[in-house]
Amino acid sequence: MTSPPEPSTPLDWRDDVPVSTRFDDPYFSLENGLEETRHVFLSGNDLPDRFRFGFHVAELGFGTGLNLLATLQAWRASGQEGMLRYTSFEAFPITPEEMRRAQGAFPELAPLAADLAPHWGAEYITLADLDFRLVTGDARTTLPHWQRTADAWFLDGFSPARNPELWEEPLMQQVFAHTSPGGTAATYTAAGFVRRGLQSAGFEVTRIPGYGRKRHMTRAVKPAS
């Protein structure tokens, strides 16, 4: 069961960085979105070191698809066999044209972006090394019905001050319930109520150095037993 996505709203652009007019927040760092993704979501989840056959990444906030591209690039570079499983929950999907424009800011990802460009807008993408699903609708409604668990979560909603719905404690409890034992979650925010929500859900939470001008970010681990 999925909820229909909310109507798309126009984006503002600051050079190559799209900014949500709904939340008045950029989709990725104005400094370097790719390096932010690598620092926060890959390193924050100990990737690519934890990659293994059947590894599953889940994400709150698909946005421009940058995190998917960076993760698939790391997967391919690691030489890992099999398919990367990747599920993203997104309430406000942007258009394929907007995705392609945003991804154009990262020439390093151009070959990957070209591989996936024909598929943007699809609910499922299947490549030789990728099993992707986009779940549209409010994650507070859709995640409880998801039947799988993730080894790593990318918590990438807009700023908690502007998009508090995606950081509420009941949703963090659902993230915990849909995390494999020993799995992890990472996010760019170190907001106190987000860390408390993750702790209350059952994660072991630490505050670690953030990217760029953000002094801290959050890493969470689900106990293995």
C-alpha atoms as a PDB file:
ATOM      1  CA  MET A   1       0.000   0.000   0.000  1.00  0.00           C
ATOM      2  CA  THR A   2       1.424   3.375  -0.971  1.00  0.00           C
ATOM      3  CA  SER A   3       0.116   6.891  -0.732  1.00  0.00           C
ATOM      4  CA  PRO A   4       0.054   8.986  -3.913  1.00  0.00           C
ATOM      5  CA  PRO A   5       2.869  11.508  -4.135  1.00  0.00           C
ATOM      6  CA  GLU A   6       2.154  15.139  -3.430  1.00  0.00           C
ATOM      7  CA  PRO A   7       2.070  17.406  -6.486  1.00  0.00           C
ATOM      8  CA  SER A   8       5.507  18.593  -7.492  1.00  0.00           C
ATOM      9  CA  THR A   9       6.358  22.207  -6.723  1.00  0.00           C
ATOM     10  CA  PRO A  10       8.707  24.374  -8.788  1.00  0.00           C
ATOM     11  CA  LEU A  11      12.356  24.481  -7.829  1.00  0.00           C
ATOM     12  CA  ASP A  12      14.560  27.495  -7.409  1.00  0.00           C
ATOM     13  CA  TRP A  13      18.125  27.104  -8.646  1.00  0.00           C
ATOM     14  CA  ARG A  14      21.294  28.535  -7.150  1.00  0.00           C
ATOM     15  CA  ASP A  15      23.672  27.881 -10.009  1.00  0.00           C
ATOM     16  CA  ASP A  16      23.515  24.069 -10.266  1.00  0.00           C
ATOM     17  CA  VAL A  17      21.929  23.461  -6.849  1.00  0.00           C
ATOM     18  CA  PRO A  18      18.149  22.937  -6.760  1.00  0.00           C
ATOM     19  CA  VAL A  19      16.297  24.498  -3.839  1.00  0.00           C
ATOM     20  CA  SER A  20      12.878  23.295  -2.699  1.00  0.00           C
ATOM     21  CA  THR A  21      10.336  26.115  -2.724  1.00  0.00           C
ATOM     22  CA  ARG A  22       8.135  23.979  -0.466  1.00  0.00           C
ATOM     23  CA  PHE A  23      10.746  23.786   2.310  1.00  0.00           C
ATOM     24  CA  ASP A  24      13.098  26.653   1.338  1.00  0.00           C
ATOM     25  CA  ASP A  25      16.049  24.276   1.605  1.00  0.00           C
ATOM     26  CA  PRO A  26      18.652  23.076  -0.939  1.00  0.00           C
ATOM     27  CA  TYR A  27      18.638  19.450  -2.030  1.00  0.00           C
ATOM     28  CA  PHE A  28      22.345  19.097  -1.330  1.00  0.00           C
ATOM     29  CA  SER A  29      25.275  21.094   0.009  1.00  0.00           C
ATOM     30  CA  LEU A  30      26.012  24.393  -1.686  1.00  0.00           C
ATOM     31  CA  GLU A  31      29.696  23.580  -1.124  1.00  0.00           C
ATOM     32  CA  ASN A  32      29.947  20.134  -2.722  1.00  0.00           C
ATOM     33  CA  GLY A  33      26.946  17.825  -2.685  1.00  0.00           C
ATOM     34  CA  LEU A  34      28.863  14.728  -3.773  1.00  0.00           C
ATOM     35  CA  GLU A  35      31.521  15.073  -1.095  1.00  0.00           C
ATOM     36  CA  GLU A  36      28.778  15.695   1.476  1.00  0.00           C
ATOM     37  CA  THR A  37      27.054  12.469   0.435  1.00  0.00           C
ATOM     38  CA  ARG A  38      30.286  10.524   0.675  1.00  0.00           C
ATOM     39  CA  HIS A  39      31.075  11.932   4.103  1.00  0.00           C
ATOM     40  CA  VAL A  40      27.625  11.726   5.673  1.00  0.00           C
ATOM     41  CA  PHE A  41      25.953   8.708   4.133  1.00  0.00           C
ATOM     42  CA  LEU A  42      28.785   6.500   2.894  1.00  0.00           C
ATOM     43  CA  SER A  43      31.405   7.060   5.595  1.00  0.00           C
ATOM     44  CA  GLY A  44      28.661   7.564   8.194  1.00  0.00           C
ATOM     45  CA  ASN A  45      27.497   4.012   7.477  1.00  0.00           C
ATOM     46  CA  ASP A  46      31.022   2.580   7.119  1.00  0.00           C
ATOM     47  CA  LEU A  47      30.621   2.127   3.385  1.00  0.00           C
ATOM     48  CA  PRO A  48      31.986   0.673   1.201  1.00  0.00           C
ATOM     49  CA  ASP A  49      33.716  -1.480   3.840  1.00  0.00           C
ATOM     50  CA  ARG A  50      30.433  -3.103   4.912  1.00  0.00           C
ATOM     51  CA  PHE A  51      29.233  -3.958   1.427  1.00  0.00           C
ATOM     52  CA  ARG A  52      28.427  -7.648   0.951  1.00  0.00           C
ATOM     53  CA  PHE A  53      26.278  -9.759  -1.323  1.00  0.00           C
ATOM     54  CA  GLY A  54      22.646  -8.645  -0.991  1.00  0.00           C
ATOM     55  CA  PHE A  55      23.455  -5.434   0.923  1.00  0.00           C
ATOM     56  CA  HIS A  56      20.369  -3.215   1.229  1.00  0.00           C
ATOM     57  CA  VAL A  57      20.378   0.577   1.568  1.00  0.00           C
ATOM     58  CA  ALA A  58      17.170   2.420   2.444  1.00  0.00           C
ATOM     59  CA  GLU A  59      16.662   6.149   2.370  1.00  0.00           C
ATOM     60  CA  LEU A  60      14.239   8.781   3.570  1.00  0.00           C
ATOM     61  CA  GLY A  61      14.267  11.479   0.895  1.00  0.00           C
ATOM     62  CA  PHE A  62      15.270  10.483  -2.648  1.00  0.00           C
ATOM     63  CA  GLY A  63      15.615  14.052  -3.903  1.00  0.00           C
ATOM     64  CA  THR A  64      17.829  14.329  -6.977  1.00  0.00           C
ATOM     65  CA  GLY A  65      19.092  10.737  -6.861  1.00  0.00           C
ATOM     66  CA  LEU A  66      22.584  11.910  -5.901  1.00  0.00           C
ATOM     67  CA  ASN A  67      22.891   9.482  -2.981  1.00  0.00           C
ATOM     68  CA  LEU A  68      21.922   6.564  -5.200  1.00  0.00           C
ATOM     69  CA  LEU A  69      24.496   7.504  -7.821  1.00  0.00           C
ATOM     70  CA  ALA A  70      27.272   7.941  -5.249  1.00  0.00           C
ATOM     71  CA  THR A  71      26.413   4.630  -3.596  1.00  0.00           C
ATOM     72  CA  LEU A  72      26.273   2.707  -6.854  1.00  0.00           C
ATOM     73  CA  GLN A  73      29.591   4.247  -7.883  1.00  0.00           C
ATOM     74  CA  ALA A  74      31.137   3.048  -4.606  1.00  0.00           C
ATOM     75  CA  TRP A  75      29.549  -0.390  -5.067  1.00  0.00           C
ATOM     76  CA  ARG A  76      31.052  -0.784  -8.523  1.00  0.00           C
ATOM     77  CA  ALA A  77      34.452   0.513  -7.416  1.00  0.00           C
ATOM     78  CA  SER A  78      34.510  -1.976  -4.521  1.00  0.00           C
ATOM     79  CA  GLY A  79      34.296  -4.929  -6.904  1.00  0.00           C
ATOM     80  CA  GLN A  80      31.409  -6.369  -4.923  1.00  0.00           C
ATOM     81  CA  GLU A  81      29.538  -9.099  -6.773  1.00  0.00           C
ATOM     82  CA  GLY A  82      25.766  -9.230  -7.052  1.00  0.00           C
ATOM     83  CA  MET A  83      23.147  -6.484  -6.909  1.00  0.00           C
ATOM     84  CA  LEU A  84      23.019  -3.474  -4.642  1.00  0.00           C
ATOM     85  CA  ARG A  85      19.527  -3.278  -3.179  1.00  0.00           C
ATOM     86  CA  TYR A  86      18.347   0.298  -2.682  1.00  0.00           C
ATOM     87  CA  THR A  87      14.913   1.489  -1.548  1.00  0.00           C
ATOM     88  CA  SER A  88      14.052   5.179  -1.281  1.00  0.00           C
ATOM     89  CA  PHE A  89      10.977   6.794   0.275  1.00  0.00           C
ATOM     90  CA  GLU A  90       9.992  10.134  -1.263  1.00  0.00           C
ATOM     91  CA  ALA A  91       6.846  12.215  -0.775  1.00  0.00           C
ATOM     92  CA  PHE A  92       7.650  14.975  -3.266  1.00  0.00           C
ATOM     93  CA  PRO A  93       9.437  13.527  -6.306  1.00  0.00           C
ATOM     94  CA  ILE A  94      10.963  16.009  -8.691  1.00  0.00           C
ATOM     95  CA  THR A  95      10.783  15.558 -12.433  1.00  0.00           C
ATOM     96  CA  PRO A  96      13.291  13.493 -14.440  1.00  0.00           C
ATOM     97  CA  GLU A  97      14.357  16.682 -16.215  1.00  0.00           C
ATOM     98  CA  GLU A  98      15.115  18.362 -12.886  1.00  0.00           C
ATOM     99  CA  MET A  99      17.042  15.300 -11.726  1.00  0.00           C
ATOM    100  CA  ARG A 100      19.193  15.286 -14.832  1.00  0.00           C
ATOM    101  CA  ARG A 101      19.932  18.998 -14.491  1.00  0.00           C
ATOM    102  CA  ALA A 102      20.950  18.610 -10.835  1.00  0.00           C
ATOM    103  CA  GLN A 103      23.128  15.571 -11.533  1.00  0.00           C
ATOM    104  CA  GLY A 104      24.890  17.509 -14.269  1.00  0.00           C
ATOM    105  CA  ALA A 105      26.718  19.405 -11.536  1.00  0.00           C
ATOM    106  CA  PHE A 106      28.856  16.309 -10.908  1.00  0.00           C
ATOM    107  CA  PRO A 107      30.912  15.347 -13.990  1.00  0.00           C
ATOM    108  CA  GLU A 108      32.502  12.517 -12.009  1.00  0.00           C
ATOM    109  CA  LEU A 109      29.110  10.783 -11.949  1.00  0.00           C
ATOM    110  CA  ALA A 110      28.288  11.432 -15.600  1.00  0.00           C
ATOM    111  CA  PRO A 111      28.680   7.813 -16.832  1.00  0.00           C
ATOM    112  CA  LEU A 112      26.427   6.513 -14.051  1.00  0.00           C
ATOM    113  CA  ALA A 113      23.942   9.322 -14.507  1.00  0.00           C
ATOM    114  CA  ALA A 114      23.738   8.460 -18.196  1.00  0.00           C
ATOM    115  CA  ASP A 115      23.090   4.795 -17.367  1.00  0.00           C
ATOM    116  CA  LEU A 116      20.181   5.664 -15.123  1.00  0.00           C
ATOM    117  CA  ALA A 117      18.809   8.713 -16.944  1.00  0.00           C
ATOM    118  CA  PRO A 118      16.323   6.724 -19.074  1.00  0.00           C
ATOM    119  CA  HIS A 119      14.847   5.182 -15.907  1.00  0.00           C
ATOM    120  CA  TRP A 120      14.145   8.286 -13.805  1.00  0.00           C
ATOM    121  CA  GLY A 121      10.504   8.502 -12.875  1.00  0.00           C
ATOM    122  CA  ALA A 122      10.099   4.720 -12.758  1.00  0.00           C
ATOM    123  CA  GLU A 123       9.098   2.938  -9.560  1.00  0.00           C
ATOM    124  CA  TYR A 124      11.571   0.125 -10.198  1.00  0.00           C
ATOM    125  CA  ILE A 125      15.014   0.106 -11.799  1.00  0.00           C
ATOM    126  CA  THR A 126      16.796  -3.176 -12.421  1.00  0.00           C
ATOM    127  CA  LEU A 127      20.341  -3.294 -13.774  1.00  0.00           C
ATOM    128  CA  ALA A 128      22.932  -6.042 -13.621  1.00  0.00           C
ATOM    129  CA  ASP A 129      24.179  -4.645 -10.310  1.00  0.00           C
ATOM    130  CA  LEU A 130      21.208  -2.640  -9.018  1.00  0.00           C
ATOM    131  CA  ASP A 131      17.771  -3.490  -7.635  1.00  0.00           C
ATOM    132  CA  PHE A 132      16.118  -0.133  -6.944  1.00  0.00           C
ATOM    133  CA  ARG A 133      12.645   0.772  -5.756  1.00  0.00           C
ATOM    134  CA  LEU A 134      11.165   4.244  -5.265  1.00  0.00           C
ATOM    135  CA  VAL A 135       8.282   4.301  -2.787  1.00  0.00           C
ATOM    136  CA  THR A 136       6.277   7.486  -3.280  1.00  0.00           C
ATOM    137  CA  GLY A 137       4.074   9.041  -0.625  1.00  0.00           C
ATOM    138  CA  ASP A 138       4.403  10.085   3.000  1.00  0.00           C
ATOM    139  CA  ALA A 139       6.925   7.773   4.678  1.00  0.00           C
ATOM    140  CA  ARG A 140       4.873   7.866   7.858  1.00  0.00           C
ATOM    141  CA  THR A 141       2.249   5.936   5.890  1.00  0.00           C
ATOM    142  CA  THR A 142       4.365   3.900   3.495  1.00  0.00           C
ATOM    143  CA  LEU A 143       7.258   2.693   5.673  1.00  0.00           C
ATOM    144  CA  PRO A 144       5.108   0.710   8.154  1.00  0.00           C
ATOM    145  CA  HIS A 145       3.885  -1.395   5.209  1.00  0.00           C
ATOM    146  CA  TRP A 146       7.360  -2.111   3.863  1.00  0.00           C
ATOM    147  CA  GLN A 147       8.165  -5.796   4.226  1.00  0.00           C
ATOM    148  CA  ARG A 148      11.957  -5.626   4.228  1.00  0.00           C
ATOM    149  CA  THR A 149      14.845  -4.411   6.384  1.00  0.00           C
ATOM    150  CA  ALA A 150      17.887  -2.352   5.474  1.00  0.00           C
ATOM    151  CA  ASP A 151      21.524  -2.767   6.427  1.00  0.00           C
ATOM    152  CA  ALA A 152      22.100   1.001   6.186  1.00  0.00           C
ATOM    153  CA  TRP A 153      19.750   3.986   6.282  1.00  0.00           C
ATOM    154  CA  PHE A 154      20.346   7.390   4.729  1.00  0.00           C
ATOM    155  CA  LEU A 155      18.172   9.858   6.665  1.00  0.00           C
ATOM    156  CA  ASP A 156      18.140  12.709   4.185  1.00  0.00           C
ATOM    157  CA  GLY A 157      14.962  14.712   4.638  1.00  0.00           C
ATOM    158  CA  PHE A 158      15.010  18.472   4.473  1.00  0.00           C
ATOM    159  CA  SER A 159      16.131  20.395   7.556  1.00  0.00           C
ATOM    160  CA  PRO A 160      14.302  19.238  10.720  1.00  0.00           C
ATOM    161  CA  ALA A 161      13.339  22.852  11.366  1.00  0.00           C
ATOM    162  CA  ARG A 162      11.575  23.036   7.974  1.00  0.00           C
ATOM    163  CA  ASN A 163      10.447  19.422   7.509  1.00  0.00           C
ATOM    164  CA  PRO A 164       9.851  18.085  11.055  1.00  0.00           C
ATOM    165  CA  GLU A 165       7.422  15.404   9.848  1.00  0.00           C
ATOM    166  CA  LEU A 166      10.279  13.318   8.447  1.00  0.00           C
ATOM    167  CA  TRP A 167      12.130  13.320  11.772  1.00  0.00           C
ATOM    168  CA  GLU A 168       9.361  12.510  14.244  1.00  0.00           C
ATOM    169  CA  GLU A 169       9.949   9.820  16.863  1.00  0.00           C
ATOM    170  CA  PRO A 170       7.289   7.395  15.526  1.00  0.00           C
ATOM    171  CA  LEU A 171       9.004   7.433  12.126  1.00  0.00           C
ATOM    172  CA  MET A 172      12.391   6.817  13.754  1.00  0.00           C
ATOM    173  CA  GLN A 173      10.793   3.820  15.474  1.00  0.00           C
ATOM    174  CA  GLN A 174       9.767   2.521  12.062  1.00  0.00           C
ATOM    175  CA  VAL A 175      13.312   3.037  10.784  1.00  0.00           C
ATOM    176  CA  PHE A 176      14.590   0.980  13.723  1.00  0.00           C
ATOM    177  CA  ALA A 177      12.031  -1.766  13.090  1.00  0.00           C
ATOM    178  CA  HIS A 178      13.131  -1.909   9.460  1.00  0.00           C
ATOM    179  CA  THR A 179      16.861  -2.093  10.217  1.00  0.00           C
ATOM    180  CA  SER A 180      18.720  -5.397  10.292  1.00  0.00           C
ATOM    181  CA  PRO A 181      20.506  -6.298  13.552  1.00  0.00           C
ATOM    182  CA  GLY A 182      23.865  -4.563  13.502  1.00  0.00           C
ATOM    183  CA  GLY A 183      22.601  -2.163  10.838  1.00  0.00           C
ATOM    184  CA  THR A 184      23.290   1.558  10.835  1.00  0.00           C
ATOM    185  CA  ALA A 185      21.731   4.909  10.041  1.00  0.00           C
ATOM    186  CA  ALA A 186      23.394   8.235   9.318  1.00  0.00           C
ATOM    187  CA  THR A 187      22.205  11.792   8.831  1.00  0.00           C
ATOM    188  CA  TYR A 188      23.712  15.228   8.356  1.00  0.00           C
ATOM    189  CA  THR A 189      21.706  16.681  11.263  1.00  0.00           C
ATOM    190  CA  ALA A 190      22.741  16.648  14.902  1.00  0.00           C
ATOM    191  CA  ALA A 191      19.482  18.184  16.145  1.00  0.00           C
ATOM    192  CA  GLY A 192      18.797  17.093  19.700  1.00  0.00           C
ATOM    193  CA  PHE A 193      15.253  15.896  19.116  1.00  0.00           C
ATOM    194  CA  VAL A 194      16.409  13.734  16.186  1.00  0.00           C
ATOM    195  CA  ARG A 195      19.130  12.088  18.266  1.00  0.00           C
ATOM    196  CA  ARG A 196      16.709  11.550  21.149  1.00  0.00           C
ATOM    197  CA  GLY A 197      14.146  10.037  18.791  1.00  0.00           C
ATOM    198  CA  LEU A 198      16.713   7.580  17.440  1.00  0.00           C
ATOM    199  CA  GLN A 199      17.837   6.682  20.957  1.00  0.00           C
ATOM    200  CA  SER A 200      14.275   6.200  22.127  1.00  0.00           C
ATOM    201  CA  ALA A 201      13.664   3.899  19.168  1.00  0.00           C
ATOM    202  CA  GLY A 202      16.529   1.660  20.331  1.00  0.00           C
ATOM    203  CA  PHE A 203      19.568   2.844  18.371  1.00  0.00           C
ATOM    204  CA  GLU A 204      22.956   3.499  19.916  1.00  0.00           C
ATOM    205  CA  VAL A 205      23.564   7.086  18.833  1.00  0.00           C
ATOM    206  CA  THR A 206      26.779   9.058  18.514  1.00  0.00           C
ATOM    207  CA  ARG A 207      27.527  12.563  17.324  1.00  0.00           C
ATOM    208  CA  ILE A 208      30.476  12.685  14.935  1.00  0.00           C
ATOM    209  CA  PRO A 209      32.145  15.409  12.834  1.00  0.00           C
ATOM    210  CA  GLY A 210      29.925  16.782  10.088  1.00  0.00           C
ATOM    211  CA  TYR A 211      30.683  17.944   6.586  1.00  0.00           C
ATOM    212  CA  GLY A 212      31.884  21.427   5.711  1.00  0.00           C
ATOM    213  CA  ARG A 213      30.397  24.115   7.915  1.00  0.00           C
ATOM    214  CA  LYS A 214      28.284  21.617   9.848  1.00  0.00           C
ATOM    215  CA  ARG A 215      30.259  20.818  12.953  1.00  0.00           C
ATOM    216  CA  HIS A 216      28.423  17.616  13.790  1.00  0.00           C
ATOM    217  CA  MET A 217      26.265  14.884  12.274  1.00  0.00           C
ATOM    218  CA  THR A 218      24.587  11.790  13.689  1.00  0.00           C
ATOM    219  CA  ARG A 219      25.376   8.092  13.381  1.00  0.00           C
ATOM    220  CA  ALA A 220      23.139   5.370  14.828  1.00  0.00           C
ATOM    221  CA  VAL A 221      23.689   1.625  15.223  1.00  0.00           C
ATOM    222  CA  LYS A 222      21.103  -1.059  15.924  1.00  0.00           C
ATOM    223  CA  PRO A 223      22.473  -3.560  18.454  1.00  0.00           C
ATOM    224  CA  ALA A 224      23.298  -6.892  16.883  1.00  0.00           C
ATOM    225  CA  SER A 225      21.233  -8.772  19.441  1.00  0.00           C
END
